[in-house]
C-alpha atoms as a PDB file:
ATOM      1  CA  MET A   1     -29.749  25.320 -16.273  1.00  0.00           C
ATOM      2  CA  THR A   2     -29.813  21.638 -16.896  1.00  0.00           C
ATOM      3  CA  ILE A   3     -28.299  21.936 -20.649  1.00  0.00           C
ATOM      4  CA  LEU A   4     -25.114  23.306 -18.089  1.00  0.00           C
ATOM      5  CA  PHE A   5     -25.213  20.328 -16.359  1.00  0.00           C
ATOM      6  CA  ARG A   6     -25.755  17.900 -18.558  1.00  0.00           C
ATOM      7  CA  THR A   7     -22.783  19.175 -20.668  1.00  0.00           C
ATOM      8  CA  LEU A   8     -20.449  19.356 -17.115  1.00  0.00           C
ATOM      9  CA  PHE A   9     -21.442  15.733 -16.912  1.00  0.00           C
ATOM     10  CA  TRP A  10     -20.086  14.536 -20.688  1.00  0.00           C
ATOM     11  CA  LEU A  11     -17.126  16.427 -19.828  1.00  0.00           C
ATOM     12  CA  ALA A  12     -16.356  14.440 -16.695  1.00  0.00           C
ATOM     13  CA  VAL A  13     -17.437  11.528 -18.044  1.00  0.00           C
ATOM     14  CA  ALA A  14     -14.552  11.940 -20.776  1.00  0.00           C
ATOM     15  CA  VAL A  15     -12.008  13.089 -18.035  1.00  0.00           C
ATOM     16  CA  THR A  16     -13.182   9.960 -15.937  1.00  0.00           C
ATOM     17  CA  LEU A  17     -12.040   7.625 -19.273  1.00  0.00           C
ATOM     18  CA  TYR A  18      -9.421   9.376 -19.776  1.00  0.00           C
ATOM     19  CA  PHE A  19      -7.790   9.003 -16.432  1.00  0.00           C
ATOM     20  CA  ALA A  20      -9.115   5.349 -16.390  1.00  0.00           C
ATOM     21  CA  TRP A  21      -6.998   4.663 -19.724  1.00  0.00           C
ATOM     22  CA  ALA A  22      -4.642   5.997 -19.806  1.00  0.00           C
ATOM     23  CA  PRO A  23      -1.231   4.335 -19.510  1.00  0.00           C
ATOM     24  CA  GLN A  24      -0.230   7.110 -16.910  1.00  0.00           C
ATOM     25  CA  PRO A  25      -2.582   9.143 -15.435  1.00  0.00           C
ATOM     26  CA  PRO A  26      -2.293  12.152 -13.737  1.00  0.00           C
ATOM     27  CA  GLN A  27      -2.273  11.782  -9.347  1.00  0.00           C
ATOM     28  CA  ILE A  28      -5.014  14.247  -8.090  1.00  0.00           C
ATOM     29  CA  LEU A  29      -5.185  12.768  -4.967  1.00  0.00           C
ATOM     30  CA  PRO A  30      -2.949  10.603  -2.372  1.00  0.00           C
ATOM     31  CA  GLY A  31      -4.233   7.098  -3.500  1.00  0.00           C
ATOM     32  CA  ASP A  32      -6.365   5.262  -6.548  1.00  0.00           C
ATOM     33  CA  LYS A  33      -9.028   4.766  -4.074  1.00  0.00           C
ATOM     34  CA  TYR A  34      -9.886   8.178  -3.318  1.00  0.00           C
ATOM     35  CA  GLN A  35      -9.841   9.294  -6.792  1.00  0.00           C
ATOM     36  CA  HIS A  36     -11.801   6.662  -7.855  1.00  0.00           C
ATOM     37  CA  ALA A  37     -14.401   8.000  -5.150  1.00  0.00           C
ATOM     38  CA  LEU A  38     -14.158  12.139  -6.208  1.00  0.00           C
ATOM     39  CA  ALA A  39     -15.129  11.013 -10.075  1.00  0.00           C
ATOM     40  CA  PHE A  40     -17.604   8.959  -9.633  1.00  0.00           C
ATOM     41  CA  ALA A  41     -19.015  11.387  -6.557  1.00  0.00           C
ATOM     42  CA  ALA A  42     -18.613  14.185  -9.050  1.00  0.00           C
ATOM     43  CA  LEU A  43     -20.678  12.070 -11.849  1.00  0.00           C
ATOM     44  CA  ALA A  44     -23.769  10.851  -9.342  1.00  0.00           C
ATOM     45  CA  THR A  45     -24.078  14.626  -8.171  1.00  0.00           C
ATOM     46  CA  ILE A  46     -24.213  16.327 -11.872  1.00  0.00           C
ATOM     47  CA  ALA A  47     -26.181  13.525 -13.386  1.00  0.00           C
ATOM     48  CA  THR A  48     -28.330  14.646 -10.605  1.00  0.00           C
ATOM     49  CA  LEU A  49     -28.571  18.209 -10.650  1.00  0.00           C
ATOM     50  CA  GLY A  50     -28.579  17.370 -15.004  1.00  0.00           C
ATOM     51  CA  TRP A  51     -31.567  14.946 -15.154  1.00  0.00           C
ATOM     52  CA  PRO A  52     -33.147  15.830 -11.727  1.00  0.00           C
ATOM     53  CA  GLY A  53     -36.448  13.728 -12.787  1.00  0.00           C
ATOM     54  CA  MET A  54     -34.487  10.473 -13.080  1.00  0.00           C
ATOM     55  CA  ARG A  55     -34.848   7.891 -10.392  1.00  0.00           C
ATOM     56  CA  TRP A  56     -31.927   7.442  -8.226  1.00  0.00           C
ATOM     57  CA  TRP A  57     -31.695   3.719  -8.887  1.00  0.00           C
ATOM     58  CA  VAL A  58     -31.523   4.578 -12.370  1.00  0.00           C
ATOM     59  CA  THR A  59     -28.714   6.808 -12.132  1.00  0.00           C
ATOM     60  CA  ALA A  60     -26.850   4.266  -9.667  1.00  0.00           C
ATOM     61  CA  ALA A  61     -26.903   1.397 -12.430  1.00  0.00           C
ATOM     62  CA  LEU A  62     -25.691   3.356 -15.361  1.00  0.00           C
ATOM     63  CA  LEU A  63     -22.949   4.389 -13.331  1.00  0.00           C
ATOM     64  CA  ALA A  64     -22.315   0.953 -12.085  1.00  0.00           C
ATOM     65  CA  ALA A  65     -22.233  -0.243 -15.366  1.00  0.00           C
ATOM     66  CA  PHE A  66     -19.992   2.400 -16.651  1.00  0.00           C
ATOM     67  CA  GLY A  67     -17.608   1.558 -13.776  1.00  0.00           C
ATOM     68  CA  GLY A  68     -18.213  -1.905 -14.709  1.00  0.00           C
ATOM     69  CA  LEU A  69     -16.922  -0.869 -18.128  1.00  0.00           C
ATOM     70  CA  ILE A  70     -13.986   1.169 -16.687  1.00  0.00           C
ATOM     71  CA  GLU A  71     -12.936  -2.049 -14.836  1.00  0.00           C
ATOM     72  CA  LEU A  72     -13.046  -4.492 -17.873  1.00  0.00           C
ATOM     73  CA  VAL A  73     -11.241  -2.291 -20.348  1.00  0.00           C
ATOM     74  CA  GLN A  74      -8.334  -2.069 -17.875  1.00  0.00           C
ATOM     75  CA  ALA A  75      -8.085  -5.375 -17.769  1.00  0.00           C
ATOM     76  CA  ILE A  76      -7.121  -5.900 -21.344  1.00  0.00           C
ATOM     77  CA  PRO A  77      -3.439  -6.151 -21.465  1.00  0.00           C
ATOM     78  CA  ALA A  78      -2.371  -3.380 -24.528  1.00  0.00           C
ATOM     79  CA  ILE A  79      -4.155  -0.564 -22.129  1.00  0.00           C
ATOM     80  CA  HIS A  80      -1.817  -1.348 -19.646  1.00  0.00           C
ATOM     81  CA  ARG A  81      -3.748  -0.912 -16.438  1.00  0.00           C
ATOM     82  CA  ASP A  82      -4.779  -2.546 -13.639  1.00  0.00           C
ATOM     83  CA  ALA A  83      -8.210  -3.985 -13.358  1.00  0.00           C
ATOM     84  CA  ASP A  84      -9.289  -4.113  -9.403  1.00  0.00           C
ATOM     85  CA  VAL A  85     -12.875  -4.895  -8.229  1.00  0.00           C
ATOM     86  CA  HIS A  86     -11.993  -2.920  -5.238  1.00  0.00           C
ATOM     87  CA  ASP A  87     -11.998   0.590  -7.549  1.00  0.00           C
ATOM     88  CA  TRP A  88     -15.824  -0.260  -8.744  1.00  0.00           C
ATOM     89  CA  TYR A  89     -16.243  -0.948  -5.227  1.00  0.00           C
ATOM     90  CA  ALA A  90     -15.153   2.598  -4.023  1.00  0.00           C
ATOM     91  CA  ASP A  91     -16.692   3.887  -7.170  1.00  0.00           C
ATOM     92  CA  MET A  92     -20.554   2.651  -6.243  1.00  0.00           C
ATOM     93  CA  ILE A  93     -20.183   4.092  -2.346  1.00  0.00           C
ATOM     94  CA  ALA A  94     -19.052   7.539  -3.553  1.00  0.00           C
ATOM     95  CA  VAL A  95     -22.388   6.970  -6.104  1.00  0.00           C
ATOM     96  CA  ALA A  96     -24.362   6.162  -3.380  1.00  0.00           C
ATOM     97  CA  VAL A  97     -23.535   8.890  -0.534  1.00  0.00           C
ATOM     98  CA  ALA A  98     -23.349  11.634  -3.197  1.00  0.00           C
ATOM     99  CA  LEU A  99     -26.911  10.297  -4.530  1.00  0.00           C
ATOM    100  CA  LEU A 100     -27.876  10.358  -1.149  1.00  0.00           C
ATOM    101  CA  LEU A 101     -26.878  13.875  -0.715  1.00  0.00           C
ATOM    102  CA  SER A 102     -27.634  15.103  -3.666  1.00  0.00           C
ATOM    103  CA  HIS A 103     -31.493  14.345  -3.410  1.00  0.00           C
ATOM    104  CA  LEU A 104     -31.666  15.412  -0.441  1.00  0.00           C
ATOM    105  CA  LEU A 105     -30.065  18.862  -1.272  1.00  0.00           C
ATOM    106  CA  LEU A 106     -32.727  18.898  -4.642  1.00  0.00           C
ATOM    107  CA  ARG A 107     -35.334  18.106  -1.615  1.00  0.00           C
ATOM    108  CA  LEU A 108     -34.305  21.363   0.302  1.00  0.00           C
ATOM    109  CA  ILE A 109     -34.086  23.830  -2.796  1.00  0.00           C
ATOM    110  CA  ARG A 110     -36.618  22.682  -5.550  1.00  0.00           C
ATOM    111  CA  PRO A 111     -40.326  24.384  -5.303  1.00  0.00           C
ATOM    112  CA  ARG A 112     -42.749  22.202  -4.398  1.00  0.00           C
ATOM    113  CA  GLY A 113     -44.634  20.492  -6.585  1.00  0.00           C
ATOM    114  CA  TRP A 114     -41.654  21.207  -9.260  1.00  0.00           C
ATOM    115  CA  LYS A 115     -41.007  18.507 -11.772  1.00  0.00           C
ATOM    116  CA  GLY A 116     -38.079  19.493 -12.974  1.00  0.00           C
END
């Protein structure tokens, strides 16, 4: 099952990069911050399911770096996007909430002693 979630994770990364760097990204939710939150909550949740043994703070650090990279690339004028630190804040809040909920869920559903 982890192979499925790992595959979904990399697909979600690709979709996130497309949305982040496309000159005219599709509008899925009203408001840019909601789209950031949805993308990074999904990434954090899928990463937790794909790599259940990974420490939460490693996942958070990697996704923080990914969100920061997106904003740095958006600052390049040729990309025709606008970098915004508040987008990164929305990413990180969503990651924190998603990691908390997904790790609690894993605790409830995993058999005792399972190392995943």
